[in-house]
Protein backbone atom coordinates (compact mmCIF):
# COMPACT_ATOMS: atom_id res chain seq x y z
CA MET A 1 37.07 -57.46 -203.01
CA GLY A 2 40.04 -58.13 -200.77
CA SER A 3 40.04 -60.68 -197.78
CA GLY A 4 40.95 -57.54 -195.40
CA ARG A 5 38.06 -55.50 -196.50
CA GLN A 6 35.66 -58.67 -196.26
CA VAL A 7 36.85 -58.72 -192.42
CA ARG A 8 36.38 -54.84 -191.88
CA LEU A 9 32.92 -55.30 -193.26
CA LEU A 10 32.08 -58.28 -190.99
CA LEU A 11 33.32 -56.49 -187.86
CA TRP A 12 31.23 -53.52 -188.85
CA LYS A 13 28.33 -55.49 -189.30
CA ASN A 14 28.60 -57.31 -185.78
CA TRP A 15 29.14 -54.04 -184.08
CA THR A 16 26.13 -52.64 -185.68
CA ILE A 17 24.09 -55.46 -184.57
CA ARG A 18 25.32 -55.16 -180.91
CA ARG A 19 24.76 -51.45 -181.04
CA ARG A 20 21.05 -51.89 -181.97
CA GLN A 21 20.67 -54.71 -179.41
CA ARG A 22 22.16 -53.17 -176.36
CA ILE A 23 20.57 -55.46 -173.84
CA ARG A 24 21.86 -58.45 -175.75
CA PHE A 25 25.20 -56.73 -176.13
CA PHE A 26 25.44 -55.84 -172.22
CA MET A 27 24.32 -59.33 -171.26
CA GLU A 28 27.12 -60.91 -173.37
CA ILE A 29 29.59 -58.55 -171.84
CA VAL A 30 28.35 -59.06 -167.92
CA TRP A 31 27.43 -62.82 -168.08
CA PRO A 32 31.04 -64.30 -168.33
CA VAL A 33 32.13 -61.57 -165.81
CA MET A 34 29.50 -62.76 -163.50
CA LEU A 35 30.56 -66.44 -163.91
CA PHE A 36 34.18 -65.52 -163.81
CA MET A 37 33.72 -63.42 -160.51
CA GLY A 38 31.47 -66.24 -158.74
CA LEU A 39 34.23 -68.94 -159.45
CA VAL A 40 36.62 -66.43 -157.77
CA TRP A 41 34.11 -66.35 -154.88
CA LEU A 42 33.70 -70.07 -154.40
CA ARG A 43 37.78 -70.32 -154.71
CA ARG A 44 38.10 -67.82 -151.64
CA VAL A 45 34.93 -69.41 -149.76
CA ASN A 46 36.26 -73.19 -150.10
CA PRO A 47 40.41 -73.05 -149.76
CA LEU A 48 41.99 -75.97 -151.26
CA TYR A 49 43.01 -78.88 -148.88
CA ARG A 50 45.21 -81.92 -149.62
CA GLN A 51 43.53 -85.24 -150.54
CA HIS A 52 45.34 -88.33 -149.75
CA GLU A 53 45.38 -91.27 -151.98
CA CYS A 54 42.47 -93.84 -151.55
CA HIS A 55 42.56 -97.17 -150.46
CA PHE A 56 39.18 -99.13 -150.76
CA PRO A 57 38.39 -102.34 -148.88
CA ASN A 58 38.30 -105.41 -151.26
CA LYS A 59 34.81 -106.95 -151.89
CA ALA A 60 35.06 -110.87 -151.98
CA MET A 61 33.30 -112.68 -154.78
CA PRO A 62 31.06 -115.32 -153.52
CA SER A 63 33.76 -118.15 -154.61
CA ALA A 64 35.92 -116.84 -151.63
CA GLY A 65 33.36 -117.95 -149.22
CA ILE A 66 29.90 -117.04 -147.78
CA LEU A 67 31.19 -115.07 -144.61
CA PRO A 68 33.91 -112.83 -146.81
CA TRP A 69 31.49 -112.43 -149.24
CA ILE A 70 28.68 -111.11 -146.93
CA GLN A 71 31.12 -109.12 -145.16
CA GLY A 72 32.60 -107.47 -148.39
CA ILE A 73 28.87 -106.52 -149.34
CA PHE A 74 27.66 -105.20 -145.59
CA CYS A 75 31.00 -103.86 -144.22
CA ASN A 76 31.94 -101.74 -147.25
CA ALA A 77 28.49 -100.30 -147.82
CA ASN A 78 29.96 -96.75 -147.44
CA ASN A 79 32.92 -97.56 -149.35
CA PRO A 80 35.43 -95.90 -147.27
CA CYS A 81 38.57 -94.42 -148.24
CA PHE A 82 41.92 -95.27 -146.12
CA GLN A 83 45.24 -93.40 -146.37
CA TYR A 84 47.02 -96.73 -146.05
CA PRO A 85 47.12 -99.81 -147.94
CA THR A 86 44.07 -102.27 -146.59
CA ARG A 87 44.71 -105.67 -145.30
CA GLY A 88 43.00 -107.16 -148.11
CA GLU A 89 45.30 -105.87 -150.80
CA SER A 90 48.09 -108.33 -149.77
CA PRO A 91 48.69 -111.34 -151.99
CA GLY A 92 46.73 -114.30 -151.10
CA LEU A 93 44.10 -112.55 -148.62
CA VAL A 94 40.32 -112.06 -149.84
CA SER A 95 39.03 -110.47 -146.63
CA ASN A 96 39.98 -107.56 -144.71
CA TYR A 97 37.92 -108.85 -141.44
CA ASN A 98 39.64 -112.33 -140.63
CA ASN A 99 40.36 -110.77 -137.21
CA SER A 100 36.86 -109.58 -136.97
CA ILE A 101 34.70 -111.24 -133.92
CA LEU A 102 32.16 -112.93 -136.43
CA ALA A 103 35.15 -114.01 -138.27
CA ARG A 104 36.78 -116.00 -135.59
CA PHE A 105 33.47 -116.86 -134.14
CA TYR A 106 32.62 -118.68 -137.61
CA SER A 107 36.18 -120.18 -137.85
CA ASP A 108 35.93 -121.59 -133.95
CA ALA A 109 32.13 -122.63 -134.92
CA GLU A 110 33.43 -124.76 -137.59
CA GLU A 111 36.45 -126.42 -135.61
CA LEU A 112 33.61 -127.03 -132.90
CA LEU A 113 31.36 -128.66 -135.36
CA PHE A 114 33.50 -130.49 -137.72
CA SER A 115 37.20 -130.73 -136.26
CA ASP A 116 36.74 -131.15 -132.40
CA PRO A 117 36.11 -134.76 -131.20
CA ASP A 118 35.22 -133.68 -127.84
CA PHE A 119 32.20 -131.67 -129.02
CA LEU A 120 30.89 -134.18 -131.42
CA GLN A 121 28.45 -135.39 -128.97
CA VAL A 122 25.44 -133.35 -129.22
CA GLY A 123 24.13 -133.98 -125.49
CA ARG A 124 27.60 -132.66 -123.95
CA LEU A 125 27.40 -129.49 -126.18
CA TRP A 126 23.88 -128.98 -124.75
CA ARG A 127 25.06 -129.34 -121.30
CA GLU A 128 27.88 -126.79 -121.87
CA LEU A 129 25.53 -124.14 -123.55
CA ASN A 130 23.13 -124.73 -120.35
CA ALA A 131 25.97 -123.92 -117.97
CA MET A 132 27.20 -120.96 -119.93
CA SER A 133 23.86 -119.47 -119.93
CA ASN A 134 23.33 -119.89 -116.12
CA PHE A 135 26.95 -118.55 -115.56
CA MET A 136 26.12 -115.38 -117.54
CA ASN A 137 22.66 -114.96 -115.77
CA THR A 138 24.49 -115.31 -112.40
CA LEU A 139 26.85 -112.72 -113.57
CA ARG A 140 24.02 -110.30 -114.41
CA THR A 141 21.54 -110.83 -111.25
CA HIS A 142 23.87 -111.66 -108.73
CA PRO A 143 27.75 -110.51 -109.48
CA GLU A 144 28.69 -110.72 -105.88
CA LYS A 145 28.80 -114.46 -106.17
CA VAL A 146 31.86 -114.22 -108.57
CA SER A 147 33.46 -111.16 -106.98
CA GLY A 148 37.19 -111.75 -105.85
CA ARG A 149 37.59 -114.99 -108.62
CA GLY A 150 38.91 -114.83 -112.16
CA VAL A 151 39.94 -116.35 -115.24
CA LYS A 152 43.40 -116.43 -115.46
CA VAL A 153 44.80 -115.08 -118.92
CA GLU A 154 47.31 -117.96 -119.79
CA THR A 155 44.62 -120.49 -119.45
CA ILE A 156 42.33 -118.99 -121.99
CA LEU A 157 45.42 -118.40 -124.69
CA LYS A 158 45.51 -121.16 -127.82
CA ASP A 159 48.08 -123.27 -127.30
CA ASP A 160 50.29 -122.02 -130.31
CA GLU A 161 49.49 -118.34 -128.98
CA THR A 162 51.85 -115.34 -130.32
CA LEU A 163 50.74 -113.01 -127.91
CA THR A 164 53.78 -113.40 -125.32
CA SER A 165 56.31 -113.35 -128.00
CA PHE A 166 54.71 -110.25 -129.70
CA LEU A 167 54.68 -108.29 -126.48
CA LEU A 168 58.24 -109.28 -125.73
CA ARG A 169 59.67 -108.40 -129.19
CA ASP A 170 57.36 -106.04 -131.04
CA VAL A 171 55.94 -103.63 -128.32
CA PRO A 172 58.48 -104.45 -126.48
CA LEU A 173 57.80 -105.22 -122.83
CA THR A 174 59.90 -106.39 -120.14
CA GLU A 175 59.81 -110.42 -119.30
CA SER A 176 58.44 -109.20 -115.97
CA VAL A 177 55.65 -107.09 -117.19
CA VAL A 178 54.53 -109.77 -119.37
CA TYR A 179 54.49 -112.47 -116.89
CA HIS A 180 52.51 -110.12 -114.63
CA LEU A 181 50.12 -109.87 -117.58
CA VAL A 182 49.55 -113.11 -118.68
CA ASN A 183 49.24 -114.51 -115.15
CA ALA A 184 46.57 -112.04 -114.01
CA GLN A 185 42.81 -113.17 -113.79
CA ILE A 186 40.13 -111.35 -115.60
CA ARG A 187 37.18 -110.31 -113.42
CA PRO A 188 34.22 -112.07 -115.60
CA GLU A 189 31.36 -110.08 -113.58
CA ARG A 190 32.88 -106.76 -115.04
CA PHE A 191 31.96 -108.34 -118.76
CA ALA A 192 28.35 -109.30 -117.93
CA PHE A 193 26.69 -106.41 -119.85
CA GLY A 194 29.26 -106.41 -122.48
CA VAL A 195 32.63 -104.56 -122.88
CA PRO A 196 32.86 -101.33 -121.00
CA ASP A 197 32.85 -98.26 -122.82
CA LEU A 198 36.15 -97.10 -121.93
CA HIS A 199 39.35 -95.92 -123.68
CA LEU A 200 42.33 -98.26 -123.32
CA LYS A 201 44.61 -95.53 -122.39
CA ASP A 202 42.64 -94.50 -119.45
CA ILE A 203 42.38 -97.95 -118.30
CA ALA A 204 46.17 -98.68 -118.83
CA CYS A 205 46.91 -95.31 -116.95
CA SER A 206 44.71 -96.06 -113.95
CA LEU A 207 45.44 -98.21 -110.89
CA ASN A 208 41.89 -98.23 -109.99
CA LEU A 209 40.46 -99.39 -113.49
CA LEU A 210 43.20 -101.87 -113.91
CA GLU A 211 42.08 -103.40 -110.51
CA ARG A 212 38.64 -103.19 -111.55
CA PHE A 213 39.22 -105.58 -114.38
CA LEU A 214 42.33 -107.61 -113.68
CA ILE A 215 43.39 -109.38 -110.46
CA PHE A 216 47.24 -109.29 -109.97
CA GLN A 217 49.31 -111.66 -108.22
CA SER A 218 50.67 -108.49 -106.20
CA HIS A 219 50.81 -104.83 -105.86
CA ARG A 220 54.33 -104.89 -107.54
CA GLY A 221 52.85 -106.54 -110.45
CA LEU A 222 50.06 -104.07 -110.84
CA TYR A 223 52.30 -101.17 -110.58
CA SER A 224 54.77 -102.37 -113.00
CA VAL A 225 52.09 -103.05 -115.56
CA ARG A 226 50.73 -99.63 -115.35
CA ASN A 227 53.93 -97.93 -115.76
CA ALA A 228 54.81 -100.16 -118.89
CA MET A 229 51.26 -99.81 -120.53
CA CYS A 230 50.70 -96.18 -119.80
CA ILE A 231 53.50 -94.85 -121.98
CA LEU A 232 52.33 -96.58 -124.77
CA THR A 233 50.18 -94.94 -127.38
CA PRO A 234 46.32 -95.51 -127.88
CA GLN A 235 47.33 -97.01 -131.41
CA ARG A 236 49.94 -99.50 -130.05
CA LEU A 237 47.36 -100.46 -127.17
CA GLN A 238 44.62 -101.02 -129.76
CA ILE A 239 47.14 -103.53 -131.54
CA ILE A 240 47.66 -105.19 -128.17
CA GLU A 241 43.94 -105.82 -127.64
CA ASP A 242 43.53 -107.16 -131.26
CA LYS A 243 46.29 -109.54 -130.61
CA PHE A 244 44.93 -110.60 -127.45
CA TYR A 245 41.72 -111.23 -129.11
CA ALA A 246 43.17 -113.19 -131.98
CA ASN A 247 44.81 -115.43 -129.67
CA VAL A 248 42.01 -116.38 -127.18
CA ASP A 249 40.77 -119.77 -127.49
CA PHE A 250 37.22 -119.36 -126.88
CA PHE A 251 36.51 -123.16 -126.70
CA LYS A 252 38.87 -122.95 -123.87
CA LEU A 253 37.47 -120.22 -122.18
CA PHE A 254 33.87 -122.12 -122.99
CA ARG A 255 34.89 -125.25 -121.17
CA LEU A 256 36.64 -123.20 -118.10
CA VAL A 257 33.68 -121.29 -117.54
CA SER A 258 31.29 -124.07 -117.83
CA GLU A 259 33.79 -125.79 -115.10
CA PHE A 260 33.86 -122.76 -112.91
CA TYR A 261 30.30 -122.50 -112.91
CA ARG A 262 29.81 -126.13 -111.77
CA THR A 263 32.55 -126.06 -109.19
CA TYR A 264 31.16 -122.97 -107.44
CA PHE A 265 27.37 -123.14 -108.22
């Protein structure tokens, strides 16, 4: 028997079986068609979208230090995906949170406890803490006692601060605007209950909000700062805020507030 006849007999056999089992034959035809139609329906209901490349924050090992290790565990618990390279991808960096408040507090605490000879005396440190605590209580209960008095921005910046050069070179702002910003005074009573929930763009473009948080030497300085800052994008304003926090010497602020409290109260 030739191979051609064998193939014809096999096809005849299969057709006979399918014809006798009509329900099975119907399902063998309809089921793939239904699956195909379902895929077509899903494709039309959920249109395609462009997925950008993902950059995931690095997770430091315990050998990198306690703080980077803990931050890598808790701050990246949801495993976020960023469109741009993260800071931790740069060579020599093990943490994406070096500029966070917790990281700066940890660094300043190490400097306070192990490097600064002025604070090695526990008694003096305790007195400074009490003065700071009393000052914060006064801000919350009697803010009118410190109303009109402020903390000058220039006096709380680090000795090797880079904020001024950043504002002049990278933003860029004029020397006059930078001078008015650095010599403005921060109203401490406005931050007694934490950082206000306001957008930086709203503050930068409002004379009332600027005067609410800062004391300028003159109205001319207020207007020049408002005009220069209002044209900046929210992203640029956020970078300026982060740069300011990175250049604040919290121990200068700590001493200044303590001296302020002892002088006026």
